[in-house]
Amino acid sequence: MARAEISNQIRRLRFEHAEMTQQELADRVGCTRQTIITLEKGRYVPSLALAFRIARVFELSLEDVFSYHDR
């Protein structure tokens, strides 16, 4: 069975949005800075609710922030 991978554009989007810090994003979506760090490094897959909150902060669709890839 193929392994799935989810990637994201969070780091790029933070810098495109007035160089938002990891802490600012964490505060806006209700998680910790450590969660944002692990998301950006691709070591953590967010819950669907957190993914939607992150997308809303950037005023983008879920697919504009996160990508699903089959391996």
PDB file of N, CA and C in Angstrom:
ATOM      1  N   MET A   1       0.837  -1.183   0.000  1.00  0.00           N
ATOM      2  CA  MET A   1       0.000   0.000   0.000  1.00  0.00           C
ATOM      3  C   MET A   1       0.886   1.253   0.000  1.00  0.00           C
ATOM      4  N   ALA A   2       0.500   2.227  -0.791  1.00  0.00           N
ATOM      5  CA  ALA A   2       1.275   3.460  -0.897  1.00  0.00           C
ATOM      6  C   ALA A   2       1.107   4.315   0.359  1.00  0.00           C
ATOM      7  N   ARG A   3       2.185   4.970   0.744  1.00  0.00           N
ATOM      8  CA  ARG A   3       2.149   5.874   1.889  1.00  0.00           C
ATOM      9  C   ARG A   3       1.766   7.267   1.415  1.00  0.00           C
ATOM     10  N   ALA A   4       0.908   7.914   2.150  1.00  0.00           N
ATOM     11  CA  ALA A   4       0.469   9.265   1.791  1.00  0.00           C
ATOM     12  C   ALA A   4       1.287  10.297   2.555  1.00  0.00           C
ATOM     13  N   GLU A   5       1.442  11.441   1.957  1.00  0.00           N
ATOM     14  CA  GLU A   5       2.173  12.526   2.583  1.00  0.00           C
ATOM     15  C   GLU A   5       1.394  13.822   2.392  1.00  0.00           C
ATOM     16  N   ILE A   6       1.362  14.629   3.433  1.00  0.00           N
ATOM     17  CA  ILE A   6       0.713  15.933   3.354  1.00  0.00           C
ATOM     18  C   ILE A   6       1.783  16.992   3.541  1.00  0.00           C
ATOM     19  N   SER A   7       1.873  17.880   2.573  1.00  0.00           N
ATOM     20  CA  SER A   7       2.823  18.992   2.672  1.00  0.00           C
ATOM     21  C   SER A   7       2.029  20.282   2.849  1.00  0.00           C
ATOM     22  N   ASN A   8       2.733  21.355   3.188  1.00  0.00           N
ATOM     23  CA  ASN A   8       2.030  22.625   3.396  1.00  0.00           C
ATOM     24  C   ASN A   8       2.896  23.804   2.982  1.00  0.00           C
ATOM     25  N   GLN A   9       2.237  24.933   2.869  1.00  0.00           N
ATOM     26  CA  GLN A   9       2.878  26.189   2.471  1.00  0.00           C
ATOM     27  C   GLN A   9       2.892  27.199   3.613  1.00  0.00           C
ATOM     28  N   ILE A  10       2.800  26.721   4.836  1.00  0.00           N
ATOM     29  CA  ILE A  10       2.633  27.615   5.983  1.00  0.00           C
ATOM     30  C   ILE A  10       3.779  28.608   6.125  1.00  0.00           C
ATOM     31  N   ARG A  11       4.995  28.134   6.045  1.00  0.00           N
ATOM     32  CA  ARG A  11       6.141  29.043   6.230  1.00  0.00           C
ATOM     33  C   ARG A  11       6.125  30.160   5.181  1.00  0.00           C
ATOM     34  N   ARG A  12       5.951  29.797   3.920  1.00  0.00           N
ATOM     35  CA  ARG A  12       5.901  30.798   2.850  1.00  0.00           C
ATOM     36  C   ARG A  12       4.751  31.772   3.072  1.00  0.00           C
ATOM     37  N   LEU A  13       3.596  31.260   3.449  1.00  0.00           N
ATOM     38  CA  LEU A  13       2.425  32.112   3.651  1.00  0.00           C
ATOM     39  C   LEU A  13       2.615  33.071   4.821  1.00  0.00           C
ATOM     40  N   ARG A  14       3.266  32.624   5.885  1.00  0.00           N
ATOM     41  CA  ARG A  14       3.533  33.529   7.012  1.00  0.00           C
ATOM     42  C   ARG A  14       4.352  34.725   6.548  1.00  0.00           C
ATOM     43  N   PHE A  15       5.378  34.476   5.740  1.00  0.00           N
ATOM     44  CA  PHE A  15       6.237  35.567   5.292  1.00  0.00           C
ATOM     45  C   PHE A  15       5.533  36.473   4.297  1.00  0.00           C
ATOM     46  N   GLU A  16       4.609  35.927   3.531  1.00  0.00           N
ATOM     47  CA  GLU A  16       3.830  36.738   2.595  1.00  0.00           C
ATOM     48  C   GLU A  16       2.753  37.555   3.299  1.00  0.00           C
ATOM     49  N   HIS A  17       2.468  37.232   4.532  1.00  0.00           N
ATOM     50  CA  HIS A  17       1.464  37.951   5.315  1.00  0.00           C
ATOM     51  C   HIS A  17       2.171  38.741   6.418  1.00  0.00           C
ATOM     52  N   ALA A  18       2.876  39.771   5.990  1.00  0.00           N
ATOM     53  CA  ALA A  18       3.551  40.720   6.892  1.00  0.00           C
ATOM     54  C   ALA A  18       4.541  40.024   7.823  1.00  0.00           C
ATOM     55  N   GLU A  19       5.201  38.978   7.296  1.00  0.00           N
ATOM     56  CA  GLU A  19       6.191  38.241   8.076  1.00  0.00           C
ATOM     57  C   GLU A  19       5.648  37.827   9.446  1.00  0.00           C
ATOM     58  N   MET A  20       4.443  37.265   9.422  1.00  0.00           N
ATOM     59  CA  MET A  20       3.792  36.765  10.631  1.00  0.00           C
ATOM     60  C   MET A  20       4.715  35.762  11.330  1.00  0.00           C
ATOM     61  N   THR A  21       4.835  35.892  12.638  1.00  0.00           N
ATOM     62  CA  THR A  21       5.677  34.953  13.376  1.00  0.00           C
ATOM     63  C   THR A  21       4.928  33.639  13.620  1.00  0.00           C
ATOM     64  N   GLN A  22       5.684  32.624  13.965  1.00  0.00           N
ATOM     65  CA  GLN A  22       5.074  31.341  14.312  1.00  0.00           C
ATOM     66  C   GLN A  22       4.153  31.518  15.512  1.00  0.00           C
ATOM     67  N   GLN A  23       4.564  32.311  16.472  1.00  0.00           N
ATOM     68  CA  GLN A  23       3.744  32.539  17.664  1.00  0.00           C
ATOM     69  C   GLN A  23       2.447  33.257  17.318  1.00  0.00           C
ATOM     70  N   GLU A  24       2.512  34.257  16.431  1.00  0.00           N
ATOM     71  CA  GLU A  24       1.296  34.966  16.026  1.00  0.00           C
ATOM     72  C   GLU A  24       0.303  34.014  15.365  1.00  0.00           C
ATOM     73  N   LEU A  25       0.798  33.163  14.481  1.00  0.00           N
ATOM     74  CA  LEU A  25      -0.083  32.194  13.837  1.00  0.00           C
ATOM     75  C   LEU A  25      -0.654  31.229  14.865  1.00  0.00           C
ATOM     76  N   ALA A  26       0.181  30.734  15.744  1.00  0.00           N
ATOM     77  CA  ALA A  26      -0.278  29.810  16.788  1.00  0.00           C
ATOM     78  C   ALA A  26      -1.382  30.443  17.631  1.00  0.00           C
ATOM     79  N   ASP A  27      -1.185  31.689  18.021  1.00  0.00           N
ATOM     80  CA  ASP A  27      -2.194  32.392  18.822  1.00  0.00           C
ATOM     81  C   ASP A  27      -3.505  32.538  18.062  1.00  0.00           C
ATOM     82  N   ARG A  28      -3.427  32.808  16.776  1.00  0.00           N
ATOM     83  CA  ARG A  28      -4.637  33.020  15.963  1.00  0.00           C
ATOM     84  C   ARG A  28      -5.414  31.739  15.704  1.00  0.00           C
ATOM     85  N   VAL A  29      -4.724  30.598  15.691  1.00  0.00           N
ATOM     86  CA  VAL A  29      -5.415  29.337  15.402  1.00  0.00           C
ATOM     87  C   VAL A  29      -5.624  28.473  16.641  1.00  0.00           C
ATOM     88  N   GLY A  30      -5.122  28.899  17.795  1.00  0.00           N
ATOM     89  CA  GLY A  30      -5.354  28.181  19.037  1.00  0.00           C
ATOM     90  C   GLY A  30      -4.508  26.944  19.232  1.00  0.00           C
ATOM     91  N   CYS A  31      -3.234  27.053  18.885  1.00  0.00           N
ATOM     92  CA  CYS A  31      -2.316  25.944  19.139  1.00  0.00           C
ATOM     93  C   CYS A  31      -1.016  26.521  19.682  1.00  0.00           C
ATOM     94  N   THR A  32      -0.012  25.681  19.860  1.00  0.00           N
ATOM     95  CA  THR A  32       1.268  26.150  20.375  1.00  0.00           C
ATOM     96  C   THR A  32       2.223  26.488  19.230  1.00  0.00           C
ATOM     97  N   ARG A  33       3.236  27.272  19.553  1.00  0.00           N
ATOM     98  CA  ARG A  33       4.276  27.582  18.572  1.00  0.00           C
ATOM     99  C   ARG A  33       4.968  26.304  18.134  1.00  0.00           C
ATOM    100  N   GLN A  34       5.157  25.382  19.064  1.00  0.00           N
ATOM    101  CA  GLN A  34       5.806  24.098  18.741  1.00  0.00           C
ATOM    102  C   GLN A  34       5.016  23.341  17.673  1.00  0.00           C
ATOM    103  N   THR A  35       3.690  23.411  17.736  1.00  0.00           N
ATOM    104  CA  THR A  35       2.860  22.759  16.717  1.00  0.00           C
ATOM    105  C   THR A  35       3.129  23.376  15.351  1.00  0.00           C
ATOM    106  N   ILE A  36       3.221  24.688  15.275  1.00  0.00           N
ATOM    107  CA  ILE A  36       3.499  25.361  13.997  1.00  0.00           C
ATOM    108  C   ILE A  36       4.880  24.952  13.493  1.00  0.00           C
ATOM    109  N   ILE A  37       5.850  24.883  14.380  1.00  0.00           N
ATOM    110  CA  ILE A  37       7.205  24.477  13.991  1.00  0.00           C
ATOM    111  C   ILE A  37       7.180  23.082  13.371  1.00  0.00           C
ATOM    112  N   THR A  38       6.523  22.137  14.040  1.00  0.00           N
ATOM    113  CA  THR A  38       6.502  20.757  13.525  1.00  0.00           C
ATOM    114  C   THR A  38       5.687  20.648  12.245  1.00  0.00           C
ATOM    115  N   LEU A  39       4.647  21.461  12.106  1.00  0.00           N
ATOM    116  CA  LEU A  39       3.894  21.495  10.849  1.00  0.00           C
ATOM    117  C   LEU A  39       4.783  21.967   9.700  1.00  0.00           C
ATOM    118  N   GLU A  40       5.485  23.072   9.920  1.00  0.00           N
ATOM    119  CA  GLU A  40       6.343  23.632   8.873  1.00  0.00           C
ATOM    120  C   GLU A  40       7.443  22.663   8.453  1.00  0.00           C
ATOM    121  N   LYS A  41       7.917  21.863   9.380  1.00  0.00           N
ATOM    122  CA  LYS A  41       8.972  20.894   9.074  1.00  0.00           C
ATOM    123  C   LYS A  41       8.417  19.614   8.454  1.00  0.00           C
ATOM    124  N   GLY A  42       7.095  19.510   8.370  1.00  0.00           N
ATOM    125  CA  GLY A  42       6.487  18.324   7.783  1.00  0.00           C
ATOM    126  C   GLY A  42       6.496  17.118   8.686  1.00  0.00           C
ATOM    127  N   ARG A  43       6.643  17.339   9.967  1.00  0.00           N
ATOM    128  CA  ARG A  43       6.704  16.242  10.937  1.00  0.00           C
ATOM    129  C   ARG A  43       5.372  15.979  11.621  1.00  0.00           C
ATOM    130  N   TYR A  44       4.365  16.772  11.299  1.00  0.00           N
ATOM    131  CA  TYR A  44       3.071  16.657  11.958  1.00  0.00           C
ATOM    132  C   TYR A  44       1.976  16.950  10.949  1.00  0.00           C
ATOM    133  N   VAL A  45       0.931  16.141  10.990  1.00  0.00           N
ATOM    134  CA  VAL A  45      -0.246  16.369  10.149  1.00  0.00           C
ATOM    135  C   VAL A  45      -1.338  16.921  11.059  1.00  0.00           C
ATOM    136  N   PRO A  46      -1.861  18.094  10.749  1.00  0.00           N
ATOM    137  CA  PRO A  46      -2.841  18.711  11.645  1.00  0.00           C
ATOM    138  C   PRO A  46      -4.196  18.020  11.571  1.00  0.00           C
ATOM    139  N   SER A  47      -4.987  18.239  12.608  1.00  0.00           N
ATOM    140  CA  SER A  47      -6.378  17.803  12.550  1.00  0.00           C
ATOM    141  C   SER A  47      -7.059  18.597  11.452  1.00  0.00           C
ATOM    142  N   LEU A  48      -8.171  18.108  10.996  1.00  0.00           N
ATOM    143  CA  LEU A  48      -8.910  18.821   9.956  1.00  0.00           C
ATOM    144  C   LEU A  48      -9.341  20.200  10.458  1.00  0.00           C
ATOM    145  N   ALA A  49      -9.764  20.271  11.708  1.00  0.00           N
ATOM    146  CA  ALA A  49     -10.194  21.555  12.272  1.00  0.00           C
ATOM    147  C   ALA A  49      -9.038  22.562  12.292  1.00  0.00           C
ATOM    148  N   LEU A  50      -7.856  22.127  12.720  1.00  0.00           N
ATOM    149  CA  LEU A  50      -6.698  23.032  12.743  1.00  0.00           C
ATOM    150  C   LEU A  50      -6.311  23.440  11.330  1.00  0.00           C
ATOM    151  N   ALA A  51      -6.359  22.520  10.403  1.00  0.00           N
ATOM    152  CA  ALA A  51      -6.031  22.846   9.010  1.00  0.00           C
ATOM    153  C   ALA A  51      -6.969  23.926   8.479  1.00  0.00           C
ATOM    154  N   PHE A  52      -8.255  23.807   8.767  1.00  0.00           N
ATOM    155  CA  PHE A  52      -9.215  24.828   8.322  1.00  0.00           C
ATOM    156  C   PHE A  52      -8.935  26.166   8.990  1.00  0.00           C
ATOM    157  N   ARG A  53      -8.616  26.163  10.285  1.00  0.00           N
ATOM    158  CA  ARG A  53      -8.327  27.432  10.966  1.00  0.00           C
ATOM    159  C   ARG A  53      -7.102  28.113  10.363  1.00  0.00           C
ATOM    160  N   ILE A  54      -6.088  27.331  10.042  1.00  0.00           N
ATOM    161  CA  ILE A  54      -4.885  27.898   9.421  1.00  0.00           C
ATOM    162  C   ILE A  54      -5.226  28.489   8.055  1.00  0.00           C
ATOM    163  N   ALA A  55      -5.969  27.759   7.261  1.00  0.00           N
ATOM    164  CA  ALA A  55      -6.356  28.257   5.932  1.00  0.00           C
ATOM    165  C   ALA A  55      -7.152  29.554   6.052  1.00  0.00           C
ATOM    166  N   ARG A  56      -8.025  29.634   7.025  1.00  0.00           N
ATOM    167  CA  ARG A  56      -8.846  30.848   7.207  1.00  0.00           C
ATOM    168  C   ARG A  56      -8.012  32.054   7.593  1.00  0.00           C
ATOM    169  N   VAL A  57      -6.970  31.846   8.395  1.00  0.00           N
ATOM    170  CA  VAL A  57      -6.088  32.958   8.758  1.00  0.00           C
ATOM    171  C   VAL A  57      -5.507  33.598   7.495  1.00  0.00           C
ATOM    172  N   PHE A  58      -5.141  32.759   6.537  1.00  0.00           N
ATOM    173  CA  PHE A  58      -4.543  33.255   5.302  1.00  0.00           C
ATOM    174  C   PHE A  58      -5.580  33.571   4.224  1.00  0.00           C
ATOM    175  N   GLU A  59      -6.863  33.373   4.557  1.00  0.00           N
ATOM    176  CA  GLU A  59      -7.967  33.623   3.628  1.00  0.00           C
ATOM    177  C   GLU A  59      -7.797  32.833   2.336  1.00  0.00           C
ATOM    178  N   LEU A  60      -7.435  31.550   2.504  1.00  0.00           N
ATOM    179  CA  LEU A  60      -7.225  30.654   1.378  1.00  0.00           C
ATOM    180  C   LEU A  60      -8.021  29.374   1.579  1.00  0.00           C
ATOM    181  N   SER A  61      -8.142  28.603   0.513  1.00  0.00           N
ATOM    182  CA  SER A  61      -8.784  27.300   0.639  1.00  0.00           C
ATOM    183  C   SER A  61      -7.803  26.328   1.284  1.00  0.00           C
ATOM    184  N   LEU A  62      -8.331  25.252   1.800  1.00  0.00           N
ATOM    185  CA  LEU A  62      -7.501  24.217   2.406  1.00  0.00           C
ATOM    186  C   LEU A  62      -6.450  23.719   1.418  1.00  0.00           C
ATOM    187  N   GLU A  63      -6.850  23.545   0.155  1.00  0.00           N
ATOM    188  CA  GLU A  63      -5.948  23.029  -0.883  1.00  0.00           C
ATOM    189  C   GLU A  63      -4.850  24.018  -1.261  1.00  0.00           C
ATOM    190  N   ASP A  64      -5.063  25.298  -0.973  1.00  0.00           N
ATOM    191  CA  ASP A  64      -4.018  26.295  -1.244  1.00  0.00           C
ATOM    192  C   ASP A  64      -2.940  26.289  -0.165  1.00  0.00           C
ATOM    193  N   VAL A  65      -3.246  25.719   0.987  1.00  0.00           N
ATOM    194  CA  VAL A  65      -2.298  25.666   2.097  1.00  0.00           C
ATOM    195  C   VAL A  65      -1.678  24.283   2.224  1.00  0.00           C
ATOM    196  N   PHE A  66      -2.499  23.245   2.056  1.00  0.00           N
ATOM    197  CA  PHE A  66      -2.056  21.863   2.233  1.00  0.00           C
ATOM    198  C   PHE A  66      -2.198  21.083   0.949  1.00  0.00           C
ATOM    199  N   SER A  67      -1.255  20.171   0.698  1.00  0.00           N
ATOM    200  CA  SER A  67      -1.276  19.309  -0.484  1.00  0.00           C
ATOM    201  C   SER A  67      -1.152  17.856  -0.048  1.00  0.00           C
ATOM    202  N   TYR A  68      -1.914  16.988  -0.710  1.00  0.00           N
ATOM    203  CA  TYR A  68      -1.879  15.556  -0.417  1.00  0.00           C
ATOM    204  C   TYR A  68      -1.195  14.850  -1.571  1.00  0.00           C
ATOM    205  N   HIS A  69      -0.225  14.012  -1.239  1.00  0.00           N
ATOM    206  CA  HIS A  69       0.531  13.294  -2.266  1.00  0.00           C
ATOM    207  C   HIS A  69       0.557  11.810  -1.925  1.00  0.00           C
ATOM    208  N   ASP A  70       0.271  10.966  -2.909  1.00  0.00           N
ATOM    209  CA  ASP A  70       0.449   9.527  -2.737  1.00  0.00           C
ATOM    210  C   ASP A  70       1.901   9.201  -3.010  1.00  0.00           C
ATOM    211  N   ARG A  71       2.432   8.274  -2.252  1.00  0.00           N
ATOM    212  CA  ARG A  71       3.825   7.854  -2.486  1.00  0.00           C
ATOM    213  C   ARG A  71       3.842   6.459  -3.001  1.00  0.00           C
TER     214      ARG A  71
END
